[in-house]
Amino acid sequence: MRIQVAPAKRLGVKTTIFNAPLELNSIANGNKEEVEFSFCAAGVYDPRSKYRYTVNLSRNELEALAVVNANAEQFGDR
């Protein structure tokens, strides 16, 4: 998984703050309706600082990602 950040209000350089496989032990079933995963990555302003980022995806969001992935494979976008 790669996570990049860039300025939101102007054009700017993207900075990669995380680039590693998502580990299975970082994924939790928050409840029946969502999946939670977390990872440690650099901060936006100080790459020496580390922060724990947590992402919660609903069932609908996971399904949307699966559809996009299936379409990409179908049309050779991968």
PDB file of N, CA and C in Angstrom:
ATOM      1  N   MET A   1       0.850  -1.152   0.000  1.00  0.00           N
ATOM      2  CA  MET A   1       0.000   0.000   0.000  1.00  0.00           C
ATOM      3  C   MET A   1       0.904   1.224   0.000  1.00  0.00           C
ATOM      4  N   ARG A   2       0.577   2.169  -0.839  1.00  0.00           N
ATOM      5  CA  ARG A   2       1.347   3.414  -0.891  1.00  0.00           C
ATOM      6  C   ARG A   2       0.412   4.570  -0.571  1.00  0.00           C
ATOM      7  N   ILE A   3       0.869   5.435   0.308  1.00  0.00           N
ATOM      8  CA  ILE A   3       0.093   6.619   0.663  1.00  0.00           C
ATOM      9  C   ILE A   3       0.950   7.837   0.380  1.00  0.00           C
ATOM     10  N   GLN A   4       0.374   8.746  -0.398  1.00  0.00           N
ATOM     11  CA  GLN A   4       1.055   9.981  -0.737  1.00  0.00           C
ATOM     12  C   GLN A   4       0.211  11.157  -0.270  1.00  0.00           C
ATOM     13  N   VAL A   5       0.884  12.240   0.100  1.00  0.00           N
ATOM     14  CA  VAL A   5       0.197  13.467   0.474  1.00  0.00           C
ATOM     15  C   VAL A   5       0.697  14.593  -0.420  1.00  0.00           C
ATOM     16  N   ALA A   6      -0.172  15.560  -0.642  1.00  0.00           N
ATOM     17  CA  ALA A   6       0.168  16.734  -1.453  1.00  0.00           C
ATOM     18  C   ALA A   6      -0.701  17.888  -0.974  1.00  0.00           C
ATOM     19  N   PRO A   7      -0.302  19.104  -1.260  1.00  0.00           N
ATOM     20  CA  PRO A   7      -1.130  20.249  -0.875  1.00  0.00           C
ATOM     21  C   PRO A   7      -2.524  20.144  -1.490  1.00  0.00           C
ATOM     22  N   ALA A   8      -3.529  20.579  -0.741  1.00  0.00           N
ATOM     23  CA  ALA A   8      -4.907  20.499  -1.220  1.00  0.00           C
ATOM     24  C   ALA A   8      -5.340  21.753  -1.968  1.00  0.00           C
ATOM     25  N   LYS A   9      -4.773  22.903  -1.622  1.00  0.00           N
ATOM     26  CA  LYS A   9      -5.248  24.160  -2.200  1.00  0.00           C
ATOM     27  C   LYS A   9      -4.413  24.659  -3.369  1.00  0.00           C
ATOM     28  N   ARG A  10      -3.318  23.993  -3.666  1.00  0.00           N
ATOM     29  CA  ARG A  10      -2.462  24.432  -4.767  1.00  0.00           C
ATOM     30  C   ARG A  10      -1.736  23.213  -5.327  1.00  0.00           C
ATOM     31  N   LEU A  11      -1.168  23.369  -6.505  1.00  0.00           N
ATOM     32  CA  LEU A  11      -0.360  22.296  -7.064  1.00  0.00           C
ATOM     33  C   LEU A  11       0.917  22.181  -6.250  1.00  0.00           C
ATOM     34  N   GLY A  12       1.354  20.987  -6.047  1.00  0.00           N
ATOM     35  CA  GLY A  12       2.569  20.778  -5.271  1.00  0.00           C
ATOM     36  C   GLY A  12       3.084  19.375  -5.459  1.00  0.00           C
ATOM     37  N   VAL A  13       4.213  19.133  -4.890  1.00  0.00           N
ATOM     38  CA  VAL A  13       4.875  17.832  -5.005  1.00  0.00           C
ATOM     39  C   VAL A  13       4.209  16.833  -4.061  1.00  0.00           C
ATOM     40  N   LYS A  14       3.970  15.625  -4.573  1.00  0.00           N
ATOM     41  CA  LYS A  14       3.464  14.547  -3.732  1.00  0.00           C
ATOM     42  C   LYS A  14       4.618  13.988  -2.913  1.00  0.00           C
ATOM     43  N   THR A  15       4.338  13.707  -1.662  1.00  0.00           N
ATOM     44  CA  THR A  15       5.324  13.092  -0.781  1.00  0.00           C
ATOM     45  C   THR A  15       4.781  11.751  -0.324  1.00  0.00           C
ATOM     46  N   THR A  16       5.562  10.700  -0.487  1.00  0.00           N
ATOM     47  CA  THR A  16       5.160   9.377  -0.031  1.00  0.00           C
ATOM     48  C   THR A  16       5.453   9.266   1.451  1.00  0.00           C
ATOM     49  N   ILE A  17       4.408   9.005   2.239  1.00  0.00           N
ATOM     50  CA  ILE A  17       4.611   8.863   3.677  1.00  0.00           C
ATOM     51  C   ILE A  17       4.543   7.399   4.119  1.00  0.00           C
ATOM     52  N   PHE A  18       4.087   6.508   3.232  1.00  0.00           N
ATOM     53  CA  PHE A  18       4.024   5.079   3.557  1.00  0.00           C
ATOM     54  C   PHE A  18       4.109   4.298   2.256  1.00  0.00           C
ATOM     55  N   ASN A  19       4.942   3.267   2.235  1.00  0.00           N
ATOM     56  CA  ASN A  19       5.065   2.414   1.056  1.00  0.00           C
ATOM     57  C   ASN A  19       5.515   1.031   1.512  1.00  0.00           C
ATOM     58  N   ALA A  20       4.554   0.190   1.861  1.00  0.00           N
ATOM     59  CA  ALA A  20       4.836  -1.162   2.336  1.00  0.00           C
ATOM     60  C   ALA A  20       3.555  -1.975   2.238  1.00  0.00           C
ATOM     61  N   PRO A  21       3.684  -3.294   2.234  1.00  0.00           N
ATOM     62  CA  PRO A  21       2.464  -4.110   2.231  1.00  0.00           C
ATOM     63  C   PRO A  21       1.660  -3.890   3.512  1.00  0.00           C
ATOM     64  N   LEU A  22       0.360  -3.932   3.396  1.00  0.00           N
ATOM     65  CA  LEU A  22      -0.508  -3.854   4.564  1.00  0.00           C
ATOM     66  C   LEU A  22      -0.443  -5.202   5.258  1.00  0.00           C
ATOM     67  N   GLU A  23      -0.093  -5.216   6.527  1.00  0.00           N
ATOM     68  CA  GLU A  23       0.078  -6.463   7.274  1.00  0.00           C
ATOM     69  C   GLU A  23      -1.260  -6.954   7.812  1.00  0.00           C
ATOM     70  N   LEU A  24      -1.449  -8.250   7.794  1.00  0.00           N
ATOM     71  CA  LEU A  24      -2.702  -8.836   8.257  1.00  0.00           C
ATOM     72  C   LEU A  24      -3.016  -8.477   9.709  1.00  0.00           C
ATOM     73  N   ASN A  25      -1.979  -8.374  10.547  1.00  0.00           N
ATOM     74  CA  ASN A  25      -2.229  -8.054  11.954  1.00  0.00           C
ATOM     75  C   ASN A  25      -2.620  -6.596  12.156  1.00  0.00           C
ATOM     76  N   SER A  26      -2.618  -5.793  11.084  1.00  0.00           N
ATOM     77  CA  SER A  26      -3.041  -4.389  11.160  1.00  0.00           C
ATOM     78  C   SER A  26      -4.514  -4.216  10.823  1.00  0.00           C
ATOM     79  N   ILE A  27      -5.175  -5.310  10.460  1.00  0.00           N
ATOM     80  CA  ILE A  27      -6.569  -5.256  10.027  1.00  0.00           C
ATOM     81  C   ILE A  27      -7.463  -5.835  11.120  1.00  0.00           C
ATOM     82  N   ALA A  28      -8.517  -5.107  11.458  1.00  0.00           N
ATOM     83  CA  ALA A  28      -9.446  -5.568  12.491  1.00  0.00           C
ATOM     84  C   ALA A  28     -10.869  -5.442  11.973  1.00  0.00           C
ATOM     85  N   ASN A  29     -11.726  -6.287  12.481  1.00  0.00           N
ATOM     86  CA  ASN A  29     -13.149  -6.213  12.183  1.00  0.00           C
ATOM     87  C   ASN A  29     -13.778  -5.361  13.268  1.00  0.00           C
ATOM     88  N   GLY A  30     -13.901  -4.046  13.008  1.00  0.00           N
ATOM     89  CA  GLY A  30     -14.448  -3.140  14.009  1.00  0.00           C
ATOM     90  C   GLY A  30     -15.817  -3.571  14.479  1.00  0.00           C
ATOM     91  N   ASN A  31     -16.676  -3.864  13.553  1.00  0.00           N
ATOM     92  CA  ASN A  31     -18.000  -4.428  13.828  1.00  0.00           C
ATOM     93  C   ASN A  31     -18.442  -5.119  12.542  1.00  0.00           C
ATOM     94  N   LYS A  32     -19.655  -5.552  12.476  1.00  0.00           N
ATOM     95  CA  LYS A  32     -20.113  -6.296  11.301  1.00  0.00           C
ATOM     96  C   LYS A  32     -20.219  -5.428  10.060  1.00  0.00           C
ATOM     97  N   GLU A  33     -20.232  -4.122  10.229  1.00  0.00           N
ATOM     98  CA  GLU A  33     -20.463  -3.226   9.099  1.00  0.00           C
ATOM     99  C   GLU A  33     -19.215  -2.527   8.586  1.00  0.00           C
ATOM    100  N   GLU A  34     -18.068  -2.679   9.256  1.00  0.00           N
ATOM    101  CA  GLU A  34     -16.871  -2.001   8.762  1.00  0.00           C
ATOM    102  C   GLU A  34     -15.602  -2.761   9.104  1.00  0.00           C
ATOM    103  N   VAL A  35     -14.568  -2.442   8.351  1.00  0.00           N
ATOM    104  CA  VAL A  35     -13.240  -2.986   8.576  1.00  0.00           C
ATOM    105  C   VAL A  35     -12.327  -1.822   8.926  1.00  0.00           C
ATOM    106  N   GLU A  36     -11.468  -2.039   9.902  1.00  0.00           N
ATOM    107  CA  GLU A  36     -10.534  -1.007  10.330  1.00  0.00           C
ATOM    108  C   GLU A  36      -9.113  -1.503  10.097  1.00  0.00           C
ATOM    109  N   PHE A  37      -8.266  -0.632   9.547  1.00  0.00           N
ATOM    110  CA  PHE A  37      -6.851  -0.979   9.485  1.00  0.00           C
ATOM    111  C   PHE A  37      -6.030   0.228   9.885  1.00  0.00           C
ATOM    112  N   SER A  38      -4.862  -0.050  10.407  1.00  0.00           N
ATOM    113  CA  SER A  38      -3.994   1.026  10.859  1.00  0.00           C
ATOM    114  C   SER A  38      -2.566   0.750  10.426  1.00  0.00           C
ATOM    115  N   PHE A  39      -1.794   1.812  10.380  1.00  0.00           N
ATOM    116  CA  PHE A  39      -0.392   1.706  10.003  1.00  0.00           C
ATOM    117  C   PHE A  39       0.338   2.918  10.553  1.00  0.00           C
ATOM    118  N   CYS A  40       1.629   2.800  10.714  1.00  0.00           N
ATOM    119  CA  CYS A  40       2.460   3.915  11.166  1.00  0.00           C
ATOM    120  C   CYS A  40       3.187   4.481   9.958  1.00  0.00           C
ATOM    121  N   ALA A  41       3.179   5.790   9.860  1.00  0.00           N
ATOM    122  CA  ALA A  41       3.819   6.453   8.725  1.00  0.00           C
ATOM    123  C   ALA A  41       4.352   7.805   9.173  1.00  0.00           C
ATOM    124  N   ALA A  42       5.149   8.387   8.306  1.00  0.00           N
ATOM    125  CA  ALA A  42       5.723   9.699   8.594  1.00  0.00           C
ATOM    126  C   ALA A  42       4.630  10.749   8.682  1.00  0.00           C
ATOM    127  N   GLY A  43       4.948  11.835   9.347  1.00  0.00           N
ATOM    128  CA  GLY A  43       4.044  12.967   9.397  1.00  0.00           C
ATOM    129  C   GLY A  43       4.147  13.773   8.117  1.00  0.00           C
ATOM    130  N   VAL A  44       3.259  14.695   7.944  1.00  0.00           N
ATOM    131  CA  VAL A  44       3.229  15.515   6.736  1.00  0.00           C
ATOM    132  C   VAL A  44       4.377  16.516   6.731  1.00  0.00           C
ATOM    133  N   TYR A  45       4.626  17.144   7.863  1.00  0.00           N
ATOM    134  CA  TYR A  45       5.613  18.220   7.903  1.00  0.00           C
ATOM    135  C   TYR A  45       6.989  17.781   8.376  1.00  0.00           C
ATOM    136  N   ASP A  46       7.054  16.753   9.186  1.00  0.00           N
ATOM    137  CA  ASP A  46       8.331  16.297   9.717  1.00  0.00           C
ATOM    138  C   ASP A  46       8.461  14.801   9.480  1.00  0.00           C
ATOM    139  N   PRO A  47       9.239  14.384   8.490  1.00  0.00           N
ATOM    140  CA  PRO A  47       9.336  12.950   8.165  1.00  0.00           C
ATOM    141  C   PRO A  47       9.965  12.125   9.288  1.00  0.00           C
ATOM    142  N   ARG A  48      10.610  12.785  10.252  1.00  0.00           N
ATOM    143  CA  ARG A  48      11.202  12.042  11.370  1.00  0.00           C
ATOM    144  C   ARG A  48      10.144  11.640  12.390  1.00  0.00           C
ATOM    145  N   SER A  49       9.016  12.337  12.406  1.00  0.00           N
ATOM    146  CA  SER A  49       7.922  11.993  13.316  1.00  0.00           C
ATOM    147  C   SER A  49       7.118  10.851  12.719  1.00  0.00           C
ATOM    148  N   LYS A  50       6.619   9.988  13.570  1.00  0.00           N
ATOM    149  CA  LYS A  50       5.755   8.892  13.128  1.00  0.00           C
ATOM    150  C   LYS A  50       4.387   9.058  13.760  1.00  0.00           C
ATOM    151  N   TYR A  51       3.367   8.753  12.977  1.00  0.00           N
ATOM    152  CA  TYR A  51       1.988   8.833  13.445  1.00  0.00           C
ATOM    153  C   TYR A  51       1.287   7.532  13.122  1.00  0.00           C
ATOM    154  N   ARG A  52       0.305   7.165  13.949  1.00  0.00           N
ATOM    155  CA  ARG A  52      -0.520   5.996  13.648  1.00  0.00           C
ATOM    156  C   ARG A  52      -1.780   6.498  12.955  1.00  0.00           C
ATOM    157  N   TYR A  53      -1.969   6.051  11.737  1.00  0.00           N
ATOM    158  CA  TYR A  53      -3.154   6.395  10.953  1.00  0.00           C
ATOM    159  C   TYR A  53      -4.119   5.223  11.029  1.00  0.00           C
ATOM    160  N   THR A  54      -5.399   5.519  11.196  1.00  0.00           N
ATOM    161  CA  THR A  54      -6.425   4.488  11.244  1.00  0.00           C
ATOM    162  C   THR A  54      -7.483   4.815  10.194  1.00  0.00           C
ATOM    163  N   VAL A  55      -7.843   3.814   9.402  1.00  0.00           N
ATOM    164  CA  VAL A  55      -8.841   3.974   8.349  1.00  0.00           C
ATOM    165  C   VAL A  55      -9.973   2.993   8.622  1.00  0.00           C
ATOM    166  N   ASN A  56     -11.194   3.491   8.568  1.00  0.00           N
ATOM    167  CA  ASN A  56     -12.382   2.647   8.710  1.00  0.00           C
ATOM    168  C   ASN A  56     -13.141   2.679   7.391  1.00  0.00           C
ATOM    169  N   LEU A  57     -13.392   1.498   6.854  1.00  0.00           N
ATOM    170  CA  LEU A  57     -14.149   1.382   5.604  1.00  0.00           C
ATOM    171  C   LEU A  57     -15.438   0.620   5.868  1.00  0.00           C
ATOM    172  N   SER A  58     -16.540   1.183   5.386  1.00  0.00           N
ATOM    173  CA  SER A  58     -17.827   0.504   5.531  1.00  0.00           C
ATOM    174  C   SER A  58     -17.919  -0.630   4.512  1.00  0.00           C
ATOM    175  N   ARG A  59     -18.911  -1.454   4.691  1.00  0.00           N
ATOM    176  CA  ARG A  59     -19.144  -2.552   3.747  1.00  0.00           C
ATOM    177  C   ARG A  59     -19.358  -2.006   2.333  1.00  0.00           C
ATOM    178  N   ASN A  60     -20.114  -0.911   2.202  1.00  0.00           N
ATOM    179  CA  ASN A  60     -20.362  -0.311   0.884  1.00  0.00           C
ATOM    180  C   ASN A  60     -19.072   0.198   0.252  1.00  0.00           C
ATOM    181  N   GLU A  61     -18.199   0.797   1.056  1.00  0.00           N
ATOM    182  CA  GLU A  61     -16.922   1.299   0.522  1.00  0.00           C
ATOM    183  C   GLU A  61     -16.026   0.153   0.073  1.00  0.00           C
ATOM    184  N   LEU A  62     -16.009  -0.951   0.829  1.00  0.00           N
ATOM    185  CA  LEU A  62     -15.229  -2.124   0.419  1.00  0.00           C
ATOM    186  C   LEU A  62     -15.769  -2.709  -0.881  1.00  0.00           C
ATOM    187  N   GLU A  63     -17.085  -2.772  -1.003  1.00  0.00           N
ATOM    188  CA  GLU A  63     -17.689  -3.272  -2.235  1.00  0.00           C
ATOM    189  C   GLU A  63     -17.353  -2.368  -3.414  1.00  0.00           C
ATOM    190  N   ALA A  64     -17.359  -1.057  -3.200  1.00  0.00           N
ATOM    191  CA  ALA A  64     -17.001  -0.124  -4.275  1.00  0.00           C
ATOM    192  C   ALA A  64     -15.559  -0.342  -4.725  1.00  0.00           C
ATOM    193  N   LEU A  65     -14.651  -0.561  -3.779  1.00  0.00           N
ATOM    194  CA  LEU A  65     -13.255  -0.839  -4.142  1.00  0.00           C
ATOM    195  C   LEU A  65     -13.135  -2.143  -4.931  1.00  0.00           C
ATOM    196  N   ALA A  66     -13.901  -3.149  -4.541  1.00  0.00           N
ATOM    197  CA  ALA A  66     -13.873  -4.424  -5.255  1.00  0.00           C
ATOM    198  C   ALA A  66     -14.387  -4.264  -6.683  1.00  0.00           C
ATOM    199  N   VAL A  67     -15.420  -3.456  -6.883  1.00  0.00           N
ATOM    200  CA  VAL A  67     -15.972  -3.212  -8.221  1.00  0.00           C
ATOM    201  C   VAL A  67     -14.946  -2.492  -9.084  1.00  0.00           C
ATOM    202  N   VAL A  68     -14.309  -1.477  -8.539  1.00  0.00           N
ATOM    203  CA  VAL A  68     -13.287  -0.739  -9.295  1.00  0.00           C
ATOM    204  C   VAL A  68     -12.155  -1.681  -9.680  1.00  0.00           C
ATOM    205  N   ASN A  69     -11.735  -2.533  -8.757  1.00  0.00           N
ATOM    206  CA  ASN A  69     -10.663  -3.482  -9.025  1.00  0.00           C
ATOM    207  C   ASN A  69     -11.073  -4.475 -10.118  1.00  0.00           C
ATOM    208  N   ALA A  70     -12.295  -4.980 -10.039  1.00  0.00           N
ATOM    209  CA  ALA A  70     -12.773  -5.933 -11.045  1.00  0.00           C
ATOM    210  C   ALA A  70     -12.860  -5.273 -12.413  1.00  0.00           C
ATOM    211  N   ASN A  71     -13.330  -4.029 -12.467  1.00  0.00           N
ATOM    212  CA  ASN A  71     -13.397  -3.311 -13.743  1.00  0.00           C
ATOM    213  C   ASN A  71     -12.024  -3.063 -14.325  1.00  0.00           C
ATOM    214  N   ALA A  72     -11.073  -2.741 -13.487  1.00  0.00           N
ATOM    215  CA  ALA A  72      -9.707  -2.492 -13.958  1.00  0.00           C
ATOM    216  C   ALA A  72      -9.122  -3.762 -14.562  1.00  0.00           C
ATOM    217  N   GLU A  73      -9.363  -4.897 -13.921  1.00  0.00           N
ATOM    218  CA  GLU A  73      -8.864  -6.159 -14.457  1.00  0.00           C
ATOM    219  C   GLU A  73      -9.571  -6.523 -15.759  1.00  0.00           C
ATOM    220  N   GLN A  74     -10.874  -6.278 -15.827  1.00  0.00           N
ATOM    221  CA  GLN A  74     -11.660  -6.603 -17.020  1.00  0.00           C
ATOM    222  C   GLN A  74     -11.192  -5.809 -18.231  1.00  0.00           C
ATOM    223  N   PHE A  75     -10.882  -4.548 -18.032  1.00  0.00           N
ATOM    224  CA  PHE A  75     -10.518  -3.685 -19.141  1.00  0.00           C
ATOM    225  C   PHE A  75      -9.024  -3.489 -19.306  1.00  0.00           C
ATOM    226  N   GLY A  76      -8.248  -4.292 -18.594  1.00  0.00           N
ATOM    227  CA  GLY A  76      -6.798  -4.267 -18.767  1.00  0.00           C
ATOM    228  C   GLY A  76      -6.109  -3.053 -18.221  1.00  0.00           C
ATOM    229  N   ASP A  77      -6.711  -2.404 -17.228  1.00  0.00           N
ATOM    230  CA  ASP A  77      -6.095  -1.220 -16.625  1.00  0.00           C
ATOM    231  C   ASP A  77      -5.062  -1.581 -15.579  1.00  0.00           C
ATOM    232  N   ARG A  78      -4.791  -2.830 -15.374  1.00  0.00           N
ATOM    233  CA  ARG A  78      -3.844  -3.232 -14.336  1.00  0.00           C
ATOM    234  C   ARG A  78      -2.600  -3.743 -14.956  1.00  0.00           C
TER     235      ARG A  78
END
